[in-house]
């Protein structure tokens, strides 16, 4: 049995030596580098509706989010 998500909770994540705070809420999630105010935010409806890639790209372009070098140079597979 799963527990219904009724209020937000936070967890700390260490990515490549940098600390981030992940906030998961009934509306979606937000990933923010420790000590910063702005981060990447996605709603569950955008993820389910397929708009997550577009929202992520928009957040990256407007917030100056860092893209890992492997993604920045097109090392993904083409379909």
PDB file of N, CA and C in Angstrom:
ATOM      1  N   UNK A   1       0.835  -1.171   0.000  1.00  0.00           N
ATOM      2  CA  UNK A   1       0.000   0.000   0.000  1.00  0.00           C
ATOM      3  C   UNK A   1       0.890   1.247   0.000  1.00  0.00           C
ATOM      4  N   UNK A   2       0.534   2.223  -0.794  1.00  0.00           N
ATOM      5  CA  UNK A   2       1.304   3.463  -0.855  1.00  0.00           C
ATOM      6  C   UNK A   2       0.659   4.541   0.004  1.00  0.00           C
ATOM      7  N   UNK A   3       1.485   5.499   0.395  1.00  0.00           N
ATOM      8  CA  UNK A   3       1.011   6.619   1.201  1.00  0.00           C
ATOM      9  C   UNK A   3       0.730   7.806   0.292  1.00  0.00           C
ATOM     10  N   UNK A   4      -0.417   8.426   0.480  1.00  0.00           N
ATOM     11  CA  UNK A   4      -0.798   9.573  -0.324  1.00  0.00           C
ATOM     12  C   UNK A   4       0.093  10.766   0.018  1.00  0.00           C
ATOM     13  N   UNK A   5       0.564  11.466  -1.016  1.00  0.00           N
ATOM     14  CA  UNK A   5       1.400  12.645  -0.838  1.00  0.00           C
ATOM     15  C   UNK A   5       0.489  13.840  -0.572  1.00  0.00           C
ATOM     16  N   UNK A   6       0.486  14.313   0.673  1.00  0.00           N
ATOM     17  CA  UNK A   6      -0.418  15.397   1.049  1.00  0.00           C
ATOM     18  C   UNK A   6       0.293  16.701   1.375  1.00  0.00           C
ATOM     19  N   UNK A   7       1.575  16.631   1.699  1.00  0.00           N
ATOM     20  CA  UNK A   7       2.327  17.853   1.963  1.00  0.00           C
ATOM     21  C   UNK A   7       3.762  17.672   1.502  1.00  0.00           C
ATOM     22  N   UNK A   8       4.430  18.790   1.300  1.00  0.00           N
ATOM     23  CA  UNK A   8       5.786  18.772   0.759  1.00  0.00           C
ATOM     24  C   UNK A   8       6.790  18.195   1.756  1.00  0.00           C
ATOM     25  N   UNK A   9       7.834  17.567   1.207  1.00  0.00           N
ATOM     26  CA  UNK A   9       8.966  17.143   2.017  1.00  0.00           C
ATOM     27  C   UNK A   9      10.246  17.439   1.236  1.00  0.00           C
ATOM     28  N   UNK A  10      11.342  17.621   1.986  1.00  0.00           N
ATOM     29  CA  UNK A  10      12.622  17.979   1.373  1.00  0.00           C
ATOM     30  C   UNK A  10      13.666  16.923   1.654  1.00  0.00           C
ATOM     31  N   UNK A  11      14.570  16.743   0.681  1.00  0.00           N
ATOM     32  CA  UNK A  11      15.702  15.838   0.823  1.00  0.00           C
ATOM     33  C   UNK A  11      16.926  16.516   0.225  1.00  0.00           C
ATOM     34  N   UNK A  12      18.084  16.216   0.783  1.00  0.00           N
ATOM     35  CA  UNK A  12      19.335  16.754   0.261  1.00  0.00           C
ATOM     36  C   UNK A  12      19.963  15.718  -0.663  1.00  0.00           C
ATOM     37  N   UNK A  13      20.510  16.214  -1.779  1.00  0.00           N
ATOM     38  CA  UNK A  13      21.158  15.349  -2.758  1.00  0.00           C
ATOM     39  C   UNK A  13      22.540  15.919  -3.048  1.00  0.00           C
ATOM     40  N   UNK A  14      23.538  15.045  -3.163  1.00  0.00           N
ATOM     41  CA  UNK A  14      24.887  15.459  -3.534  1.00  0.00           C
ATOM     42  C   UNK A  14      25.122  14.985  -4.969  1.00  0.00           C
ATOM     43  N   UNK A  15      25.277  15.942  -5.890  1.00  0.00           N
ATOM     44  CA  UNK A  15      25.511  15.630  -7.298  1.00  0.00           C
ATOM     45  C   UNK A  15      26.851  16.220  -7.719  1.00  0.00           C
ATOM     46  N   UNK A  16      27.786  15.359  -8.065  1.00  0.00           N
ATOM     47  CA  UNK A  16      29.113  15.797  -8.513  1.00  0.00           C
ATOM     48  C   UNK A  16      29.769  16.749  -7.520  1.00  0.00           C
ATOM     49  N   UNK A  17      29.598  16.481  -6.235  1.00  0.00           N
ATOM     50  CA  UNK A  17      30.226  17.287  -5.206  1.00  0.00           C
ATOM     51  C   UNK A  17      29.475  18.553  -4.829  1.00  0.00           C
ATOM     52  N   UNK A  18      28.345  18.814  -5.462  1.00  0.00           N
ATOM     53  CA  UNK A  18      27.534  19.987  -5.138  1.00  0.00           C
ATOM     54  C   UNK A  18      26.251  19.529  -4.464  1.00  0.00           C
ATOM     55  N   UNK A  19      25.835  20.242  -3.428  1.00  0.00           N
ATOM     56  CA  UNK A  19      24.641  19.866  -2.677  1.00  0.00           C
ATOM     57  C   UNK A  19      23.409  20.595  -3.228  1.00  0.00           C
ATOM     58  N   UNK A  20      22.315  19.842  -3.328  1.00  0.00           N
ATOM     59  CA  UNK A  20      21.046  20.358  -3.808  1.00  0.00           C
ATOM     60  C   UNK A  20      19.946  19.977  -2.828  1.00  0.00           C
ATOM     61  N   UNK A  21      18.861  20.748  -2.835  1.00  0.00           N
ATOM     62  CA  UNK A  21      17.681  20.409  -2.063  1.00  0.00           C
ATOM     63  C   UNK A  21      16.580  20.048  -3.049  1.00  0.00           C
ATOM     64  N   UNK A  22      16.004  18.869  -2.865  1.00  0.00           N
ATOM     65  CA  UNK A  22      14.876  18.415  -3.673  1.00  0.00           C
ATOM     66  C   UNK A  22      13.628  18.531  -2.817  1.00  0.00           C
ATOM     67  N   UNK A  23      12.657  19.300  -3.283  1.00  0.00           N
ATOM     68  CA  UNK A  23      11.382  19.433  -2.587  1.00  0.00           C
ATOM     69  C   UNK A  23      10.322  18.729  -3.420  1.00  0.00           C
ATOM     70  N   UNK A  24       9.665  17.750  -2.825  1.00  0.00           N
ATOM     71  CA  UNK A  24       8.598  17.003  -3.488  1.00  0.00           C
ATOM     72  C   UNK A  24       7.286  17.417  -2.833  1.00  0.00           C
ATOM     73  N   UNK A  25       6.320  17.828  -3.656  1.00  0.00           N
ATOM     74  CA  UNK A  25       5.026  18.269  -3.142  1.00  0.00           C
ATOM     75  C   UNK A  25       3.912  17.658  -3.982  1.00  0.00           C
ATOM     76  N   UNK A  26       2.671  17.808  -3.550  1.00  0.00           N
ATOM     77  CA  UNK A  26       1.564  17.291  -4.356  1.00  0.00           C
ATOM     78  C   UNK A  26       1.478  17.952  -5.740  1.00  0.00           C
ATOM     79  N   UNK A  27       2.039  19.134  -5.888  1.00  0.00           N
ATOM     80  CA  UNK A  27       1.990  19.840  -7.173  1.00  0.00           C
ATOM     81  C   UNK A  27       3.112  19.429  -8.119  1.00  0.00           C
ATOM     82  N   UNK A  28       4.261  19.014  -7.587  1.00  0.00           N
ATOM     83  CA  UNK A  28       5.396  18.659  -8.428  1.00  0.00           C
ATOM     84  C   UNK A  28       6.670  18.599  -7.614  1.00  0.00           C
ATOM     85  N   UNK A  29       7.791  18.952  -8.237  1.00  0.00           N
ATOM     86  CA  UNK A  29       9.043  18.972  -7.485  1.00  0.00           C
ATOM     87  C   UNK A  29       9.915  20.140  -7.925  1.00  0.00           C
ATOM     88  N   UNK A  30      10.847  20.506  -7.028  1.00  0.00           N
ATOM     89  CA  UNK A  30      11.763  21.605  -7.286  1.00  0.00           C
ATOM     90  C   UNK A  30      13.148  21.180  -6.835  1.00  0.00           C
ATOM     91  N   UNK A  31      14.144  21.425  -7.677  1.00  0.00           N
ATOM     92  CA  UNK A  31      15.533  21.098  -7.378  1.00  0.00           C
ATOM     93  C   UNK A  31      16.327  22.395  -7.362  1.00  0.00           C
ATOM     94  N   UNK A  32      16.936  22.716  -6.192  1.00  0.00           N
ATOM     95  CA  UNK A  32      17.644  23.981  -6.017  1.00  0.00           C
ATOM     96  C   UNK A  32      19.003  23.704  -5.402  1.00  0.00           C
ATOM     97  N   UNK A  33      20.038  24.345  -5.949  1.00  0.00           N
ATOM     98  CA  UNK A  33      21.373  24.216  -5.373  1.00  0.00           C
ATOM     99  C   UNK A  33      21.368  24.885  -4.003  1.00  0.00           C
ATOM    100  N   UNK A  34      22.024  24.224  -3.035  1.00  0.00           N
ATOM    101  CA  UNK A  34      22.077  24.759  -1.673  1.00  0.00           C
ATOM    102  C   UNK A  34      22.645  26.174  -1.701  1.00  0.00           C
ATOM    103  N   UNK A  35      22.000  27.066  -0.962  1.00  0.00           N
ATOM    104  CA  UNK A  35      22.438  28.449  -0.889  1.00  0.00           C
ATOM    105  C   UNK A  35      21.864  29.327  -1.984  1.00  0.00           C
ATOM    106  N   UNK A  36      21.120  28.757  -2.894  1.00  0.00           N
ATOM    107  CA  UNK A  36      20.513  29.511  -3.992  1.00  0.00           C
ATOM    108  C   UNK A  36      19.000  29.571  -3.776  1.00  0.00           C
ATOM    109  N   UNK A  37      18.353  30.485  -4.484  1.00  0.00           N
ATOM    110  CA  UNK A  37      16.896  30.622  -4.376  1.00  0.00           C
ATOM    111  C   UNK A  37      16.172  30.026  -5.576  1.00  0.00           C
ATOM    112  N   UNK A  38      16.798  30.146  -6.734  1.00  0.00           N
ATOM    113  CA  UNK A  38      16.151  29.683  -7.962  1.00  0.00           C
ATOM    114  C   UNK A  38      16.656  28.297  -8.319  1.00  0.00           C
ATOM    115  N   UNK A  39      15.778  27.521  -8.940  1.00  0.00           N
ATOM    116  CA  UNK A  39      16.149  26.185  -9.360  1.00  0.00           C
ATOM    117  C   UNK A  39      15.262  25.715 -10.487  1.00  0.00           C
ATOM    118  N   UNK A  40      15.215  24.428 -10.658  1.00  0.00           N
ATOM    119  CA  UNK A  40      14.386  23.818 -11.697  1.00  0.00           C
ATOM    120  C   UNK A  40      13.126  23.294 -11.032  1.00  0.00           C
ATOM    121  N   UNK A  41      11.979  23.651 -11.598  1.00  0.00           N
ATOM    122  CA  UNK A  41      10.698  23.255 -11.020  1.00  0.00           C
ATOM    123  C   UNK A  41       9.823  22.640 -12.105  1.00  0.00           C
ATOM    124  N   UNK A  42       9.255  21.485 -11.815  1.00  0.00           N
ATOM    125  CA  UNK A  42       8.355  20.810 -12.749  1.00  0.00           C
ATOM    126  C   UNK A  42       7.098  20.362 -12.009  1.00  0.00           C
ATOM    127  N   UNK A  43       5.974  20.489 -12.680  1.00  0.00           N
ATOM    128  CA  UNK A  43       4.722  19.996 -12.096  1.00  0.00           C
ATOM    129  C   UNK A  43       4.486  18.569 -12.562  1.00  0.00           C
ATOM    130  N   UNK A  44       3.725  17.836 -11.779  1.00  0.00           N
ATOM    131  CA  UNK A  44       3.405  16.454 -12.146  1.00  0.00           C
ATOM    132  C   UNK A  44       2.612  16.418 -13.445  1.00  0.00           C
ATOM    133  N   UNK A  45       1.715  17.395 -13.653  1.00  0.00           N
ATOM    134  CA  UNK A  45       0.921  17.396 -14.883  1.00  0.00           C
ATOM    135  C   UNK A  45       1.795  17.617 -16.114  1.00  0.00           C
ATOM    136  N   UNK A  46       2.862  18.421 -15.989  1.00  0.00           N
ATOM    137  CA  UNK A  46       3.748  18.612 -17.141  1.00  0.00           C
ATOM    138  C   UNK A  46       4.535  17.346 -17.437  1.00  0.00           C
ATOM    139  N   UNK A  47       4.883  16.601 -16.403  1.00  0.00           N
ATOM    140  CA  UNK A  47       5.608  15.344 -16.599  1.00  0.00           C
ATOM    141  C   UNK A  47       4.703  14.315 -17.258  1.00  0.00           C
ATOM    142  N   UNK A  48       3.514  14.159 -16.739  1.00  0.00           N
ATOM    143  CA  UNK A  48       2.564  13.179 -17.275  1.00  0.00           C
ATOM    144  C   UNK A  48       2.107  13.581 -18.676  1.00  0.00           C
ATOM    145  N   UNK A  49       1.935  14.881 -18.905  1.00  0.00           N
ATOM    146  CA  UNK A  49       1.456  15.373 -20.192  1.00  0.00           C
ATOM    147  C   UNK A  49       2.530  15.441 -21.256  1.00  0.00           C
ATOM    148  N   UNK A  50       3.785  15.130 -20.909  1.00  0.00           N
ATOM    149  CA  UNK A  50       4.859  15.145 -21.883  1.00  0.00           C
ATOM    150  C   UNK A  50       5.522  16.489 -22.062  1.00  0.00           C
ATOM    151  N   UNK A  51       5.135  17.474 -21.263  1.00  0.00           N
ATOM    152  CA  UNK A  51       5.717  18.803 -21.379  1.00  0.00           C
ATOM    153  C   UNK A  51       6.974  18.959 -20.529  1.00  0.00           C
ATOM    154  N   UNK A  52       7.414  17.900 -19.868  1.00  0.00           N
ATOM    155  CA  UNK A  52       8.554  17.992 -18.949  1.00  0.00           C
ATOM    156  C   UNK A  52       9.828  18.402 -19.671  1.00  0.00           C
ATOM    157  N   UNK A  53      10.079  17.859 -20.840  1.00  0.00           N
ATOM    158  CA  UNK A  53      11.296  18.210 -21.578  1.00  0.00           C
ATOM    159  C   UNK A  53      11.273  19.678 -21.968  1.00  0.00           C
ATOM    160  N   UNK A  54      10.124  20.158 -22.405  1.00  0.00           N
ATOM    161  CA  UNK A  54       9.994  21.562 -22.778  1.00  0.00           C
ATOM    162  C   UNK A  54      10.175  22.456 -21.555  1.00  0.00           C
ATOM    163  N   UNK A  55       9.550  22.105 -20.438  1.00  0.00           N
ATOM    164  CA  UNK A  55       9.659  22.893 -19.211  1.00  0.00           C
ATOM    165  C   UNK A  55      11.092  22.899 -18.700  1.00  0.00           C
ATOM    166  N   UNK A  56      11.757  21.768 -18.778  1.00  0.00           N
ATOM    167  CA  UNK A  56      13.143  21.670 -18.329  1.00  0.00           C
ATOM    168  C   UNK A  56      14.050  22.545 -19.192  1.00  0.00           C
ATOM    169  N   UNK A  57      13.842  22.513 -20.487  1.00  0.00           N
ATOM    170  CA  UNK A  57      14.637  23.337 -21.390  1.00  0.00           C
ATOM    171  C   UNK A  57      14.384  24.819 -21.142  1.00  0.00           C
ATOM    172  N   UNK A  58      13.144  25.174 -20.889  1.00  0.00           N
ATOM    173  CA  UNK A  58      12.808  26.571 -20.609  1.00  0.00           C
ATOM    174  C   UNK A  58      13.447  27.022 -19.304  1.00  0.00           C
ATOM    175  N   UNK A  59      13.355  26.200 -18.269  1.00  0.00           N
ATOM    176  CA  UNK A  59      13.994  26.531 -16.992  1.00  0.00           C
ATOM    177  C   UNK A  59      15.494  26.698 -17.169  1.00  0.00           C
ATOM    178  N   UNK A  60      16.116  25.817 -17.917  1.00  0.00           N
ATOM    179  CA  UNK A  60      17.563  25.883 -18.129  1.00  0.00           C
ATOM    180  C   UNK A  60      17.947  27.159 -18.857  1.00  0.00           C
ATOM    181  N   UNK A  61      17.155  27.552 -19.840  1.00  0.00           N
ATOM    182  CA  UNK A  61      17.493  28.745 -20.604  1.00  0.00           C
ATOM    183  C   UNK A  61      17.234  30.021 -19.819  1.00  0.00           C
ATOM    184  N   UNK A  62      16.208  30.041 -18.990  1.00  0.00           N
ATOM    185  CA  UNK A  62      15.886  31.256 -18.256  1.00  0.00           C
ATOM    186  C   UNK A  62      16.645  31.372 -16.949  1.00  0.00           C
ATOM    187  N   UNK A  63      17.024  30.252 -16.352  1.00  0.00           N
ATOM    188  CA  UNK A  63      17.710  30.283 -15.061  1.00  0.00           C
ATOM    189  C   UNK A  63      19.204  30.042 -15.184  1.00  0.00           C
ATOM    190  N   UNK A  64      19.668  29.719 -16.382  1.00  0.00           N
ATOM    191  CA  UNK A  64      21.095  29.467 -16.567  1.00  0.00           C
ATOM    192  C   UNK A  64      21.531  28.182 -15.891  1.00  0.00           C
ATOM    193  N   UNK A  65      20.645  27.204 -15.843  1.00  0.00           N
ATOM    194  CA  UNK A  65      20.981  25.922 -15.205  1.00  0.00           C
ATOM    195  C   UNK A  65      22.113  25.251 -15.957  1.00  0.00           C
ATOM    196  N   UNK A  66      22.932  24.542 -15.210  1.00  0.00           N
ATOM    197  CA  UNK A  66      24.060  23.836 -15.810  1.00  0.00           C
ATOM    198  C   UNK A  66      23.595  22.548 -16.458  1.00  0.00           C
ATOM    199  N   UNK A  67      24.083  22.306 -17.655  1.00  0.00           N
ATOM    200  CA  UNK A  67      23.798  21.067 -18.362  1.00  0.00           C
ATOM    201  C   UNK A  67      25.069  20.238 -18.346  1.00  0.00           C
ATOM    202  N   UNK A  68      24.981  18.969 -17.903  1.00  0.00           N
ATOM    203  CA  UNK A  68      26.178  18.128 -17.903  1.00  0.00           C
ATOM    204  C   UNK A  68      26.799  18.088 -19.295  1.00  0.00           C
ATOM    205  N   UNK A  69      28.123  18.038 -19.355  1.00  0.00           N
ATOM    206  CA  UNK A  69      28.825  18.047 -20.633  1.00  0.00           C
ATOM    207  C   UNK A  69      28.364  16.932 -21.564  1.00  0.00           C
ATOM    208  N   UNK A  70      28.020  15.774 -21.007  1.00  0.00           N
ATOM    209  CA  UNK A  70      27.578  14.661 -21.845  1.00  0.00           C
ATOM    210  C   UNK A  70      26.282  15.000 -22.574  1.00  0.00           C
ATOM    211  N   UNK A  71      25.418  15.822 -21.951  1.00  0.00           N
ATOM    212  CA  UNK A  71      24.167  16.215 -22.594  1.00  0.00           C
ATOM    213  C   UNK A  71      24.372  17.411 -23.505  1.00  0.00           C
ATOM    214  N   UNK A  72      25.273  18.301 -23.132  1.00  0.00           N
ATOM    215  CA  UNK A  72      25.482  19.535 -23.887  1.00  0.00           C
ATOM    216  C   UNK A  72      26.061  19.269 -25.269  1.00  0.00           C
ATOM    217  N   UNK A  73      26.812  18.196 -25.422  1.00  0.00           N
ATOM    218  CA  UNK A  73      27.457  17.918 -26.697  1.00  0.00           C
ATOM    219  C   UNK A  73      26.748  16.836 -27.498  1.00  0.00           C
ATOM    220  N   UNK A  74      25.495  16.570 -27.171  1.00  0.00           N
ATOM    221  CA  UNK A  74      24.686  15.669 -27.981  1.00  0.00           C
ATOM    222  C   UNK A  74      25.122  14.215 -27.948  1.00  0.00           C
ATOM    223  N   UNK A  75      25.545  13.719 -26.800  1.00  0.00           N
ATOM    224  CA  UNK A  75      25.990  12.332 -26.720  1.00  0.00           C
ATOM    225  C   UNK A  75      24.838  11.364 -26.469  1.00  0.00           C
ATOM    226  N   UNK A  76      23.618  11.828 -26.702  1.00  0.00           N
ATOM    227  CA  UNK A  76      22.481  10.937 -26.534  1.00  0.00           C
ATOM    228  C   UNK A  76      22.238  10.162 -27.826  1.00  0.00           C
ATOM    229  N   UNK A  77      21.496   9.092 -27.730  1.00  0.00           N
ATOM    230  CA  UNK A  77      21.235   8.279 -28.918  1.00  0.00           C
ATOM    231  C   UNK A  77      20.106   8.898 -29.716  1.00  0.00           C
ATOM    232  N   UNK A  78      20.206   8.782 -31.018  1.00  0.00           N
ATOM    233  CA  UNK A  78      19.136   9.300 -31.897  1.00  0.00           C
ATOM    234  C   UNK A  78      18.194   8.179 -32.250  1.00  0.00           C
ATOM    235  N   UNK A  79      16.911   8.513 -32.308  1.00  0.00           N
ATOM    236  CA  UNK A  79      15.893   7.507 -32.649  1.00  0.00           C
ATOM    237  C   UNK A  79      15.318   7.765 -34.005  1.00  0.00           C
TER     238      UNK A  79
END
